[in-house]
Amino acid sequence: MVDLGLVRRFRVLPVKERPYKSADLPSVMEIYTASIRSLATFYYSPDHPAFARRGVATNLYQHVESSLRAVRAHRVTTHASLAARPFFDRHGFLLDAEECVECRGVYLRRFAMSKELRNEQNA
């Protein structure tokens, strides 16, 4: 269960990016779980994190895309949930296929999406 008092205290702190450390895993999992249970409740059955809508995912994605371009990757792919699809749409991903996958006995819709990274460096 997410400690809402802790979430409220962090809501006022500025978002600061830094490289991931393995010690961050418990916090990352807590944020991930809280996101699903609050932001995605419209899309999923029961069986707003503090940092929602503050650009964190966009900044992280931009770093990932920049790193992929630096190593001359031609394409990036994802399997987006119903809640995540609008984010990937906004970042130029195209729908490759709609899928239905089983997760712990529940069937979930997801979207196979991709984005071409061709540019002057790797055209």
N, C-alpha and C. Protein backbone atom coordinates (compact mmCIF):
# COMPACT_ATOMS: atom_id res chain seq x y z
N MET A 1 0.84 -1.18 0.00
CA MET A 1 0.00 0.00 0.00
C MET A 1 0.88 1.24 0.00
N VAL A 2 0.52 2.24 -0.75
CA VAL A 2 1.28 3.48 -0.86
C VAL A 2 0.95 4.39 0.31
N ASP A 3 1.97 4.96 0.94
CA ASP A 3 1.81 5.89 2.05
C ASP A 3 1.41 7.25 1.48
N LEU A 4 0.12 7.62 1.58
CA LEU A 4 -0.37 8.87 1.00
C LEU A 4 0.24 10.10 1.67
N GLY A 5 0.56 10.01 2.94
CA GLY A 5 1.23 11.12 3.61
C GLY A 5 2.58 11.39 2.98
N LEU A 6 3.31 10.33 2.68
CA LEU A 6 4.60 10.45 2.02
C LEU A 6 4.44 11.04 0.62
N VAL A 7 3.43 10.59 -0.09
CA VAL A 7 3.16 11.10 -1.43
C VAL A 7 2.86 12.59 -1.38
N ARG A 8 2.03 13.01 -0.43
CA ARG A 8 1.69 14.43 -0.31
C ARG A 8 2.92 15.29 0.00
N ARG A 9 3.81 14.77 0.83
CA ARG A 9 5.03 15.54 1.15
C ARG A 9 5.91 15.70 -0.08
N PHE A 10 6.00 14.67 -0.93
CA PHE A 10 6.84 14.74 -2.12
C PHE A 10 6.22 15.58 -3.22
N ARG A 11 4.91 15.79 -3.17
CA ARG A 11 4.23 16.54 -4.22
C ARG A 11 4.81 17.94 -4.40
N VAL A 12 5.29 18.56 -3.34
CA VAL A 12 5.78 19.93 -3.43
C VAL A 12 7.26 20.01 -3.80
N LEU A 13 7.95 18.90 -3.77
CA LEU A 13 9.38 18.91 -4.11
C LEU A 13 9.57 19.01 -5.61
N PRO A 14 10.62 19.72 -6.04
CA PRO A 14 10.89 19.78 -7.48
C PRO A 14 11.37 18.41 -7.97
N VAL A 15 11.12 18.13 -9.23
CA VAL A 15 11.57 16.88 -9.83
C VAL A 15 13.01 17.06 -10.26
N LYS A 16 13.87 16.15 -9.85
CA LYS A 16 15.28 16.23 -10.17
C LYS A 16 15.71 14.89 -10.77
N GLU A 17 16.27 14.93 -11.96
CA GLU A 17 16.70 13.70 -12.61
C GLU A 17 18.13 13.36 -12.24
N ARG A 18 18.39 12.05 -12.16
CA ARG A 18 19.74 11.55 -11.95
C ARG A 18 19.77 10.13 -12.46
N PRO A 19 20.94 9.59 -12.70
CA PRO A 19 21.01 8.21 -13.19
C PRO A 19 20.42 7.22 -12.18
N TYR A 20 19.84 6.15 -12.72
CA TYR A 20 19.25 5.10 -11.90
C TYR A 20 20.33 4.35 -11.13
N LYS A 21 20.01 4.00 -9.90
CA LYS A 21 20.87 3.16 -9.06
C LYS A 21 20.07 1.94 -8.65
N SER A 22 20.72 0.80 -8.49
CA SER A 22 19.99 -0.41 -8.14
C SER A 22 19.23 -0.26 -6.82
N ALA A 23 19.71 0.59 -5.93
CA ALA A 23 19.02 0.82 -4.65
C ALA A 23 17.68 1.54 -4.85
N ASP A 24 17.45 2.10 -6.05
CA ASP A 24 16.19 2.80 -6.35
C ASP A 24 15.04 1.85 -6.64
N LEU A 25 15.33 0.57 -6.87
CA LEU A 25 14.29 -0.36 -7.31
C LEU A 25 13.05 -0.38 -6.43
N PRO A 26 13.15 -0.46 -5.10
CA PRO A 26 11.92 -0.46 -4.30
C PRO A 26 11.06 0.79 -4.51
N SER A 27 11.68 1.94 -4.61
CA SER A 27 10.92 3.18 -4.84
C SER A 27 10.31 3.20 -6.23
N VAL A 28 11.04 2.72 -7.22
CA VAL A 28 10.53 2.68 -8.59
C VAL A 28 9.32 1.76 -8.65
N MET A 29 9.39 0.61 -8.00
CA MET A 29 8.27 -0.32 -7.99
C MET A 29 7.06 0.28 -7.27
N GLU A 30 7.29 1.02 -6.20
CA GLU A 30 6.19 1.66 -5.47
C GLU A 30 5.51 2.71 -6.34
N ILE A 31 6.30 3.51 -7.05
CA ILE A 31 5.74 4.53 -7.94
C ILE A 31 4.99 3.87 -9.09
N TYR A 32 5.55 2.82 -9.65
CA TYR A 32 4.91 2.08 -10.74
C TYR A 32 3.56 1.53 -10.30
N THR A 33 3.53 0.91 -9.14
CA THR A 33 2.30 0.33 -8.61
C THR A 33 1.27 1.43 -8.32
N ALA A 34 1.72 2.52 -7.71
CA ALA A 34 0.80 3.63 -7.41
C ALA A 34 0.23 4.22 -8.69
N SER A 35 1.04 4.29 -9.74
CA SER A 35 0.57 4.82 -11.02
C SER A 35 -0.55 3.96 -11.59
N ILE A 36 -0.35 2.66 -11.55
CA ILE A 36 -1.37 1.75 -12.08
C ILE A 36 -2.65 1.86 -11.26
N ARG A 37 -2.51 1.91 -9.95
CA ARG A 37 -3.69 1.91 -9.09
C ARG A 37 -4.43 3.23 -9.08
N SER A 38 -3.78 4.32 -9.45
CA SER A 38 -4.50 5.60 -9.43
C SER A 38 -4.71 6.17 -10.83
N LEU A 39 -3.68 6.32 -11.63
CA LEU A 39 -3.83 6.93 -12.94
C LEU A 39 -4.56 6.03 -13.92
N ALA A 40 -4.38 4.74 -13.81
CA ALA A 40 -4.94 3.82 -14.79
C ALA A 40 -6.27 3.20 -14.36
N THR A 41 -6.83 3.63 -13.26
CA THR A 41 -8.06 3.00 -12.79
C THR A 41 -9.20 3.14 -13.78
N PHE A 42 -9.18 4.17 -14.60
CA PHE A 42 -10.21 4.34 -15.62
C PHE A 42 -10.16 3.20 -16.64
N TYR A 43 -8.95 2.68 -16.91
CA TYR A 43 -8.76 1.67 -17.93
C TYR A 43 -8.84 0.24 -17.41
N TYR A 44 -8.58 0.04 -16.13
CA TYR A 44 -8.50 -1.31 -15.59
C TYR A 44 -9.44 -1.49 -14.41
N SER A 45 -9.74 -2.74 -14.11
CA SER A 45 -10.58 -3.03 -12.96
C SER A 45 -9.77 -2.78 -11.68
N PRO A 46 -10.45 -2.85 -10.49
CA PRO A 46 -9.73 -2.58 -9.25
C PRO A 46 -8.61 -3.58 -8.97
N ASP A 47 -9.06 -5.31 -9.42
CA ASP A 47 -8.13 -6.47 -9.26
C ASP A 47 -7.26 -6.33 -10.45
N HIS A 48 -3.77 10.15 -7.84
CA HIS A 48 -2.79 10.76 -8.73
C HIS A 48 -1.49 11.04 -7.98
N PRO A 49 -0.55 9.66 -8.62
CA PRO A 49 0.72 9.86 -7.91
C PRO A 49 1.18 11.33 -7.85
N ALA A 50 2.09 11.58 -6.95
CA ALA A 50 2.57 12.94 -6.70
C ALA A 50 3.26 13.57 -7.91
N PHE A 51 3.86 12.75 -8.75
CA PHE A 51 4.64 13.32 -9.85
C PHE A 51 3.94 13.23 -11.20
N ALA A 52 2.67 12.92 -11.20
CA ALA A 52 1.93 12.84 -12.45
C ALA A 52 1.82 14.21 -13.11
N ARG A 53 1.89 14.21 -14.43
CA ARG A 53 1.70 15.43 -15.24
C ARG A 53 2.72 16.52 -14.94
N ARG A 54 3.94 16.10 -14.59
CA ARG A 54 4.99 17.08 -14.34
C ARG A 54 6.16 16.94 -15.31
N GLY A 55 5.98 16.12 -16.35
CA GLY A 55 7.01 15.99 -17.38
C GLY A 55 8.08 14.97 -17.10
N VAL A 56 7.95 14.20 -16.04
CA VAL A 56 8.98 13.23 -15.69
C VAL A 56 9.14 12.18 -16.78
N ALA A 57 8.03 11.57 -17.21
CA ALA A 57 8.11 10.53 -18.25
C ALA A 57 8.64 11.10 -19.55
N THR A 58 8.21 12.30 -19.92
CA THR A 58 8.69 12.92 -21.15
C THR A 58 10.19 13.16 -21.08
N ASN A 59 10.68 13.68 -19.97
CA ASN A 59 12.13 13.91 -19.83
C ASN A 59 12.91 12.60 -19.89
N LEU A 60 12.41 11.58 -19.22
CA LEU A 60 13.09 10.28 -19.26
C LEU A 60 13.08 9.71 -20.68
N TYR A 61 11.93 9.80 -21.35
CA TYR A 61 11.86 9.29 -22.72
C TYR A 61 12.82 10.05 -23.63
N GLN A 62 12.89 11.36 -23.50
CA GLN A 62 13.79 12.14 -24.35
C GLN A 62 15.24 11.74 -24.15
N HIS A 63 15.62 11.42 -22.91
CA HIS A 63 16.98 10.93 -22.65
C HIS A 63 17.20 9.58 -23.33
N VAL A 64 16.22 8.69 -23.24
CA VAL A 64 16.34 7.38 -23.88
C VAL A 64 16.46 7.54 -25.40
N GLU A 65 15.59 8.35 -25.99
CA GLU A 65 15.65 8.53 -27.44
C GLU A 65 16.97 9.15 -27.87
N SER A 66 17.45 10.12 -27.12
CA SER A 66 18.73 10.74 -27.43
C SER A 66 19.86 9.71 -27.38
N SER A 67 19.83 8.84 -26.37
CA SER A 67 20.85 7.79 -26.25
C SER A 67 20.76 6.80 -27.41
N LEU A 68 19.54 6.46 -27.81
CA LEU A 68 19.37 5.54 -28.94
C LEU A 68 19.88 6.17 -30.23
N ARG A 69 19.61 7.45 -30.42
CA ARG A 69 20.11 8.13 -31.62
C ARG A 69 21.64 8.19 -31.60
N ALA A 70 22.22 8.39 -30.42
CA ALA A 70 23.68 8.47 -30.30
C ALA A 70 24.36 7.18 -30.72
N VAL A 71 23.70 6.05 -30.51
CA VAL A 71 24.27 4.77 -30.93
C VAL A 71 23.72 4.33 -32.29
N ARG A 72 23.06 5.27 -32.96
CA ARG A 72 22.53 5.09 -34.31
C ARG A 72 21.49 3.98 -34.44
N ALA A 73 20.68 3.85 -33.41
CA ALA A 73 19.55 2.92 -33.49
C ALA A 73 18.57 3.46 -34.53
N HIS A 74 17.97 2.57 -35.28
CA HIS A 74 17.05 2.99 -36.34
C HIS A 74 15.61 3.01 -35.89
N ARG A 75 15.31 2.29 -34.79
CA ARG A 75 13.92 2.14 -34.40
C ARG A 75 13.82 1.86 -32.91
N VAL A 76 12.73 2.32 -32.30
CA VAL A 76 12.44 2.02 -30.90
C VAL A 76 11.03 1.44 -30.86
N THR A 77 10.82 0.44 -30.00
CA THR A 77 9.52 -0.21 -29.89
C THR A 77 9.06 -0.24 -28.45
N THR A 78 7.75 -0.42 -28.28
CA THR A 78 7.19 -0.55 -26.94
C THR A 78 5.92 -1.39 -27.01
N HIS A 79 5.53 -1.90 -25.87
CA HIS A 79 4.20 -2.50 -25.69
C HIS A 79 3.49 -1.60 -24.69
N ALA A 80 2.63 -0.73 -25.19
CA ALA A 80 1.99 0.29 -24.37
C ALA A 80 0.64 -0.19 -23.84
N SER A 81 0.37 0.15 -22.60
CA SER A 81 -0.93 -0.13 -22.00
C SER A 81 -1.96 0.87 -22.52
N LEU A 82 -3.22 0.65 -22.16
CA LEU A 82 -4.26 1.61 -22.53
C LEU A 82 -3.94 3.00 -21.98
N ALA A 83 -3.47 3.06 -20.75
CA ALA A 83 -3.16 4.35 -20.13
C ALA A 83 -1.93 5.00 -20.75
N ALA A 84 -0.96 4.20 -21.21
CA ALA A 84 0.29 4.74 -21.73
C ALA A 84 0.23 5.10 -23.21
N ARG A 85 -0.73 4.54 -23.93
CA ARG A 85 -0.76 4.78 -25.38
C ARG A 85 -0.78 6.26 -25.77
N PRO A 86 -1.59 7.12 -25.14
CA PRO A 86 -1.57 8.54 -25.53
C PRO A 86 -0.19 9.18 -25.38
N PHE A 87 0.57 8.77 -24.38
CA PHE A 87 1.94 9.29 -24.20
C PHE A 87 2.79 8.95 -25.43
N PHE A 88 2.75 7.68 -25.84
CA PHE A 88 3.56 7.26 -26.98
C PHE A 88 3.04 7.86 -28.28
N ASP A 89 1.74 8.03 -28.41
CA ASP A 89 1.19 8.73 -29.58
C ASP A 89 1.78 10.14 -29.67
N ARG A 90 1.81 10.84 -28.54
CA ARG A 90 2.35 12.22 -28.53
C ARG A 90 3.82 12.28 -28.90
N HIS A 91 4.53 11.19 -28.69
CA HIS A 91 5.97 11.16 -28.99
C HIS A 91 6.28 10.52 -30.33
N GLY A 92 5.28 10.41 -31.19
CA GLY A 92 5.51 10.00 -32.56
C GLY A 92 5.52 8.51 -32.83
N PHE A 93 5.11 7.70 -31.87
CA PHE A 93 5.03 6.26 -32.10
C PHE A 93 3.82 5.95 -32.96
N LEU A 94 3.94 4.92 -33.79
CA LEU A 94 2.84 4.46 -34.62
C LEU A 94 2.39 3.09 -34.15
N LEU A 95 1.11 2.81 -34.30
CA LEU A 95 0.55 1.54 -33.88
C LEU A 95 0.93 0.45 -34.88
N ASP A 96 1.53 -0.62 -34.39
CA ASP A 96 1.86 -1.78 -35.22
C ASP A 96 0.79 -2.86 -35.08
N ALA A 97 0.30 -3.07 -33.85
CA ALA A 97 -0.72 -4.09 -33.62
C ALA A 97 -1.36 -3.89 -32.25
N GLU A 98 -2.64 -4.24 -32.16
CA GLU A 98 -3.30 -4.28 -30.87
C GLU A 98 -3.25 -5.72 -30.39
N GLU A 99 -2.93 -5.92 -29.12
CA GLU A 99 -2.76 -7.26 -28.58
C GLU A 99 -3.60 -7.44 -27.33
N CYS A 100 -3.86 -8.68 -26.99
CA CYS A 100 -4.52 -9.03 -25.75
C CYS A 100 -3.63 -10.06 -25.07
N VAL A 101 -3.10 -9.72 -23.90
CA VAL A 101 -2.16 -10.60 -23.21
C VAL A 101 -2.69 -10.97 -21.83
N GLU A 102 -2.30 -12.15 -21.37
CA GLU A 102 -2.71 -12.59 -20.05
C GLU A 102 -1.65 -12.20 -19.02
N CYS A 103 -2.11 -11.66 -17.91
CA CYS A 103 -1.23 -11.31 -16.79
C CYS A 103 -1.92 -11.78 -15.52
N ARG A 104 -1.38 -12.82 -14.90
CA ARG A 104 -1.92 -13.39 -13.67
C ARG A 104 -3.42 -13.70 -13.78
N GLY A 105 -3.79 -14.31 -14.89
CA GLY A 105 -5.17 -14.74 -15.07
C GLY A 105 -6.13 -13.69 -15.58
N VAL A 106 -5.65 -12.48 -15.83
CA VAL A 106 -6.48 -11.39 -16.35
C VAL A 106 -5.97 -11.03 -17.74
N TYR A 107 -6.89 -10.82 -18.67
CA TYR A 107 -6.50 -10.43 -20.02
C TYR A 107 -6.52 -8.91 -20.15
N LEU A 108 -5.42 -8.38 -20.65
CA LEU A 108 -5.24 -6.94 -20.78
C LEU A 108 -4.98 -6.57 -22.23
N ARG A 109 -5.54 -5.45 -22.66
CA ARG A 109 -5.23 -4.91 -24.00
C ARG A 109 -3.94 -4.13 -23.91
N ARG A 110 -3.11 -4.29 -24.94
CA ARG A 110 -1.91 -3.47 -25.05
C ARG A 110 -1.65 -3.23 -26.53
N PHE A 111 -0.74 -2.33 -26.80
CA PHE A 111 -0.49 -1.89 -28.16
C PHE A 111 0.99 -2.02 -28.48
N ALA A 112 1.29 -2.80 -29.50
CA ALA A 112 2.67 -2.86 -30.01
C ALA A 112 2.84 -1.61 -30.86
N MET A 113 3.83 -0.80 -30.50
CA MET A 113 4.04 0.48 -31.18
C MET A 113 5.52 0.63 -31.50
N SER A 114 5.82 1.44 -32.51
CA SER A 114 7.21 1.68 -32.86
C SER A 114 7.38 3.10 -33.40
N LYS A 115 8.63 3.51 -33.41
CA LYS A 115 8.98 4.84 -33.93
C LYS A 115 10.30 4.72 -34.66
N GLU A 116 10.34 5.21 -35.88
CA GLU A 116 11.58 5.25 -36.65
C GLU A 116 12.44 6.40 -36.15
N LEU A 117 13.72 6.16 -36.01
CA LEU A 117 14.63 7.20 -35.51
C LEU A 117 15.58 7.69 -36.58
N ARG A 118 15.20 7.58 -37.83
CA ARG A 118 16.07 8.03 -38.91
C ARG A 118 16.24 9.55 -38.80
N ASN A 119 17.45 9.96 -38.94
CA ASN A 119 17.75 11.40 -38.98
C ASN A 119 19.03 11.59 -39.76
N GLU A 120 19.56 12.80 -39.77
CA GLU A 120 20.76 13.07 -40.56
C GLU A 120 21.97 12.24 -40.09
N GLN A 121 22.00 11.82 -38.82
CA GLN A 121 23.11 11.02 -38.33
C GLN A 121 23.04 9.57 -38.81
N ASN A 122 21.84 9.00 -38.87
CA ASN A 122 21.75 7.58 -39.22
C ASN A 122 20.80 7.32 -40.40
N ALA A 123 20.65 8.30 -41.26
CA ALA A 123 19.76 8.14 -42.41
C ALA A 123 20.36 7.17 -43.43
